[in-house]
N, C-alpha and C. Protein backbone atom coordinates (compact mmCIF):
# COMPACT_ATOMS: atom_id res chain seq x y z
N UNK A 1 52.92 118.05 166.62
CA UNK A 1 52.98 118.26 165.20
C UNK A 1 54.13 117.88 165.29
N UNK A 2 54.11 117.25 164.09
CA UNK A 2 55.49 116.29 163.57
C UNK A 2 56.19 117.70 163.17
N UNK A 3 58.12 117.06 162.98
CA UNK A 3 59.09 117.76 162.89
C UNK A 3 59.52 117.28 160.89
N UNK A 4 59.45 118.69 160.21
CA UNK A 4 59.61 117.73 159.14
C UNK A 4 61.26 118.15 159.24
N UNK A 5 61.60 116.65 159.16
CA UNK A 5 63.35 116.36 159.46
C UNK A 5 64.47 117.03 158.30
N UNK A 6 64.17 116.87 156.83
CA UNK A 6 64.67 116.79 155.94
C UNK A 6 64.87 118.45 156.01
N UNK A 7 63.19 119.24 155.58
CA UNK A 7 63.61 120.72 155.70
C UNK A 7 64.01 122.00 156.71
N UNK A 8 63.87 121.14 157.84
CA UNK A 8 64.56 121.52 159.19
C UNK A 8 66.26 121.23 159.16
N UNK A 9 66.65 120.51 158.34
CA UNK A 9 68.07 120.12 158.27
C UNK A 9 68.69 120.93 157.99
N UNK A 10 68.07 121.08 156.13
CA UNK A 10 67.99 121.84 155.27
C UNK A 10 68.20 123.82 155.57
N UNK A 11 67.15 124.30 156.57
CA UNK A 11 66.94 125.42 156.74
C UNK A 11 67.51 126.13 157.83
N UNK A 12 67.96 125.38 159.22
CA UNK A 12 67.76 125.20 160.41
C UNK A 12 69.12 126.21 160.34
N UNK A 13 68.54 127.51 161.39
CA UNK A 13 70.18 128.15 161.39
C UNK A 13 69.78 129.81 159.88
N UNK A 14 68.96 129.53 158.95
CA UNK A 14 68.94 130.40 158.13
C UNK A 14 68.31 131.74 158.96
N UNK A 15 68.92 132.94 158.25
CA UNK A 15 68.00 133.89 158.70
C UNK A 15 66.97 134.22 157.71
N UNK A 16 65.71 134.58 157.96
CA UNK A 16 64.76 135.08 157.31
C UNK A 16 64.86 136.71 156.65
N UNK A 17 65.70 137.15 154.86
CA UNK A 17 65.67 138.30 155.21
C UNK A 17 64.58 139.20 154.29
N UNK A 18 63.36 138.29 154.16
CA UNK A 18 62.16 139.23 153.28
C UNK A 18 60.84 138.01 152.85
N UNK A 19 60.12 138.40 153.48
CA UNK A 19 58.85 137.51 153.00
C UNK A 19 57.89 138.31 151.90
N UNK A 20 57.73 137.83 151.11
CA UNK A 20 57.19 138.67 149.60
C UNK A 20 55.48 137.75 149.64
N UNK A 21 54.20 137.99 149.54
CA UNK A 21 53.52 137.29 149.23
C UNK A 21 52.91 138.15 147.97
N UNK A 22 52.57 137.03 147.35
CA UNK A 22 52.23 136.94 146.05
C UNK A 22 51.14 136.05 145.70
N UNK A 23 49.97 136.37 145.58
CA UNK A 23 49.03 136.14 145.19
C UNK A 23 48.52 134.84 145.65
N UNK A 24 48.72 133.38 145.34
CA UNK A 24 48.77 131.96 146.11
C UNK A 24 50.15 131.70 146.61
N UNK A 25 51.16 132.47 146.43
CA UNK A 25 51.93 131.52 147.35
C UNK A 25 52.78 133.12 147.87
N UNK A 26 53.75 131.97 148.92
CA UNK A 26 54.69 133.18 149.53
C UNK A 26 56.01 132.67 149.79
N UNK A 27 57.01 134.31 148.88
CA UNK A 27 58.21 133.79 148.32
C UNK A 27 58.80 134.09 150.06
N UNK A 28 60.02 133.29 150.80
CA UNK A 28 60.66 133.25 152.28
C UNK A 28 62.32 133.80 151.18
N UNK A 29 62.79 135.07 151.03
CA UNK A 29 64.49 135.03 150.50
C UNK A 29 64.93 135.08 151.95
N UNK A 30 65.74 133.94 152.67
CA UNK A 30 66.58 133.76 153.43
C UNK A 30 68.29 134.88 152.83
N UNK A 31 68.76 135.20 153.98
CA UNK A 31 70.21 136.52 153.91
C UNK A 31 71.03 136.14 153.04
N UNK A 32 71.35 134.37 153.33
CA UNK A 32 72.20 133.63 151.76
C UNK A 32 71.82 133.53 150.68
N UNK A 33 70.70 134.01 150.95
CA UNK A 33 70.00 134.39 149.01
C UNK A 33 69.43 133.24 148.52
N UNK A 34 69.43 132.23 149.38
CA UNK A 34 68.06 130.95 148.97
C UNK A 34 66.71 131.86 148.99
N UNK A 35 66.05 131.21 148.05
CA UNK A 35 64.54 131.19 148.59
C UNK A 35 63.76 130.31 148.35
N UNK A 36 62.53 130.23 149.43
CA UNK A 36 61.88 128.75 149.64
C UNK A 36 60.59 129.28 149.08
N UNK A 37 59.47 129.02 148.39
CA UNK A 37 58.39 129.50 147.22
C UNK A 37 56.98 128.21 148.49
N UNK A 38 56.25 129.02 149.01
CA UNK A 38 54.89 128.16 149.56
C UNK A 38 54.21 128.30 149.44
N UNK A 39 53.51 127.92 148.05
CA UNK A 39 51.82 127.97 147.81
C UNK A 39 50.93 127.76 148.74
N UNK A 40 50.26 128.95 149.09
CA UNK A 40 48.97 128.70 150.77
C UNK A 40 47.76 129.03 150.04
N UNK A 41 46.78 128.44 150.81
CA UNK A 41 45.72 129.34 151.05
C UNK A 41 45.22 130.44 151.19
N UNK A 42 45.85 130.72 152.14
CA UNK A 42 45.95 132.19 151.75
C UNK A 42 47.59 132.79 152.32
N UNK A 43 46.96 134.74 151.46
CA UNK A 43 48.97 134.36 152.53
C UNK A 43 47.98 134.85 154.01
N UNK A 44 48.85 135.04 154.39
CA UNK A 44 48.84 135.42 156.20
C UNK A 44 48.54 137.16 155.88
N UNK A 45 47.77 137.16 157.42
CA UNK A 45 48.20 138.87 157.45
C UNK A 45 49.55 139.14 158.38
N UNK A 46 49.82 139.95 158.18
CA UNK A 46 50.78 140.20 159.68
C UNK A 46 52.19 139.22 159.86
N UNK A 47 52.65 139.07 158.22
CA UNK A 47 53.91 138.38 158.25
C UNK A 47 55.05 139.10 159.50
N UNK A 48 55.61 138.48 160.11
CA UNK A 48 56.87 138.95 160.54
C UNK A 48 58.01 139.01 159.87
N UNK A 49 58.76 139.86 160.69
CA UNK A 49 59.85 140.41 159.92
C UNK A 49 61.53 139.43 160.91
N UNK A 50 61.94 139.44 159.92
CA UNK A 50 63.11 138.69 159.90
C UNK A 50 63.20 137.27 161.15
N UNK A 51 64.07 136.96 161.37
CA UNK A 51 63.80 135.96 162.10
C UNK A 51 65.29 134.58 161.79
N UNK A 52 65.44 133.32 162.51
CA UNK A 52 66.42 132.78 162.17
C UNK A 52 65.51 131.31 162.48
N UNK A 53 65.29 130.05 161.83
CA UNK A 53 64.94 129.10 161.68
C UNK A 53 65.74 128.06 162.53
N UNK A 54 64.87 127.84 162.89
CA UNK A 54 65.66 126.94 164.27
C UNK A 54 65.02 125.09 163.86
N UNK A 55 63.63 125.10 163.57
CA UNK A 55 63.12 123.86 163.29
C UNK A 55 61.89 123.81 162.05
N UNK A 56 61.09 123.20 161.86
CA UNK A 56 60.27 122.92 161.08
C UNK A 56 59.18 122.50 161.18
N UNK A 57 58.06 121.93 161.32
CA UNK A 57 56.92 120.89 161.53
C UNK A 57 55.96 120.92 160.56
N UNK A 58 55.09 120.31 160.56
CA UNK A 58 54.72 120.22 159.41
C UNK A 58 53.61 118.84 159.63
N UNK A 59 52.04 119.48 159.53
CA UNK A 59 50.96 118.40 159.36
C UNK A 59 49.72 118.83 158.52
N UNK A 60 49.71 118.02 157.98
CA UNK A 60 48.84 118.12 156.55
C UNK A 60 48.80 119.63 156.01
N UNK A 61 47.78 120.50 156.19
CA UNK A 61 47.95 121.88 155.34
C UNK A 61 48.88 122.82 156.63
N UNK A 62 48.80 122.08 157.51
CA UNK A 62 50.17 123.55 158.48
C UNK A 62 51.09 123.12 158.47
N UNK A 63 52.14 124.58 158.10
CA UNK A 63 53.19 124.54 157.86
C UNK A 63 53.82 125.20 158.80
N UNK A 64 54.65 124.87 159.71
CA UNK A 64 55.18 126.30 161.31
C UNK A 64 56.74 125.95 160.58
N UNK A 65 57.23 127.30 160.89
CA UNK A 65 58.68 127.21 160.97
C UNK A 65 59.15 128.00 161.96
N UNK A 66 59.64 127.55 163.54
CA UNK A 66 60.16 127.65 164.79
C UNK A 66 61.37 128.38 164.43
N UNK A 67 60.91 129.57 165.00
CA UNK A 67 62.40 130.39 164.97
C UNK A 67 62.84 130.40 166.34
N UNK A 68 64.56 131.17 166.45
CA UNK A 68 65.23 130.98 167.52
C UNK A 68 64.69 131.61 169.03
N UNK A 69 64.14 132.81 168.31
CA UNK A 69 63.75 133.50 169.69
C UNK A 69 62.54 132.91 169.65
N UNK A 70 61.69 132.16 169.61
CA UNK A 70 60.71 131.33 170.54
C UNK A 70 59.15 131.94 169.39
N UNK A 71 59.05 133.05 168.55
CA UNK A 71 58.34 132.90 167.86
C UNK A 71 57.88 132.07 166.86
N UNK A 72 56.69 131.69 166.10
CA UNK A 72 56.39 130.97 164.64
C UNK A 72 55.78 131.33 163.63
N UNK A 73 56.24 131.14 162.71
CA UNK A 73 55.40 131.51 161.18
C UNK A 73 54.53 130.48 161.11
N UNK A 74 53.56 130.55 160.99
CA UNK A 74 52.72 129.42 160.25
C UNK A 74 51.52 129.47 158.97
N UNK A 75 51.51 129.30 158.25
CA UNK A 75 51.11 128.60 157.14
C UNK A 75 50.33 127.80 156.87
N UNK A 76 49.16 127.93 155.58
CA UNK A 76 47.89 127.10 155.65
C UNK A 76 48.84 127.09 154.32
N UNK A 77 49.03 125.90 153.79
CA UNK A 77 49.88 125.33 152.59
C UNK A 77 48.31 124.84 151.47
N UNK A 78 48.02 124.96 150.09
CA UNK A 78 47.39 125.05 149.74
C UNK A 78 46.57 123.21 149.24
N UNK A 79 47.97 122.44 149.89
CA UNK A 79 47.32 121.11 149.79
C UNK A 79 48.73 120.66 150.71
N UNK A 80 48.48 119.57 151.08
CA UNK A 80 49.14 118.45 152.15
C UNK A 80 50.59 118.40 151.20
N UNK A 81 50.73 118.37 150.11
CA UNK A 81 52.09 118.03 149.25
C UNK A 81 52.16 118.56 148.69
N UNK A 82 53.44 118.62 147.64
CA UNK A 82 53.62 119.61 146.73
C UNK A 82 53.25 121.12 146.90
N UNK A 83 53.67 121.56 147.82
CA UNK A 83 53.42 122.99 148.58
C UNK A 83 55.03 123.86 148.71
N UNK A 84 56.46 123.46 148.87
CA UNK A 84 56.80 124.02 149.35
C UNK A 84 57.77 123.73 147.96
N UNK A 85 59.43 124.62 148.00
CA UNK A 85 60.50 124.70 146.75
C UNK A 85 61.35 125.75 147.51
N UNK A 86 62.18 124.86 147.68
CA UNK A 86 63.75 125.63 148.67
C UNK A 86 64.83 125.84 147.44
N UNK A 87 65.44 126.81 146.95
CA UNK A 87 66.06 127.03 146.10
C UNK A 87 67.41 127.26 146.72
N UNK A 88 68.49 127.16 146.26
CA UNK A 88 70.04 127.66 146.68
C UNK A 88 70.28 129.34 146.30
N UNK A 89 71.23 130.12 145.99
CA UNK A 89 71.43 130.86 145.92
C UNK A 89 71.77 130.99 144.17
N UNK A 90 71.81 129.81 144.11
CA UNK A 90 72.16 129.14 142.30
C UNK A 90 71.27 129.07 141.76
N UNK A 91 69.75 128.92 142.59
CA UNK A 91 68.74 128.58 142.16
C UNK A 91 68.69 127.21 141.27
N UNK A 92 69.64 126.35 142.38
CA UNK A 92 69.43 125.14 142.11
C UNK A 92 68.36 124.34 143.01
N UNK A 93 68.20 123.45 142.90
CA UNK A 93 66.93 123.15 143.65
C UNK A 93 67.09 122.20 144.90
N UNK A 94 66.86 122.82 146.47
CA UNK A 94 67.43 121.71 147.09
C UNK A 94 66.30 120.48 147.83
N UNK A 95 65.19 121.27 147.82
CA UNK A 95 63.84 120.35 148.72
C UNK A 95 62.32 120.63 147.19
N UNK A 96 61.99 119.85 147.39
CA UNK A 96 60.68 119.66 146.76
C UNK A 96 60.06 119.27 147.50
N UNK A 97 58.35 119.94 148.13
CA UNK A 97 57.34 118.88 148.17
C UNK A 97 56.24 119.47 148.55
């Protein structure tokens, strides 16, 4: 699976503070106050807590967040594109795909 270089460069090193399922999307809040919204096909069960992002990989509708501890958060996005928004702690857009 190919690395999403742009998203990796933006969130690498950020630590997940919370994962909040919201019907057809997942809100990921990082400890720096930034937030990433992912439109998902379905919200995964057994969401992990915490973790620091090492890399992001993406292929089609599969988005994987690899963590420093070796774990991976696997998300099935609603579509291959236009499913990820990242905003900094001030609400300013950092990434959209």
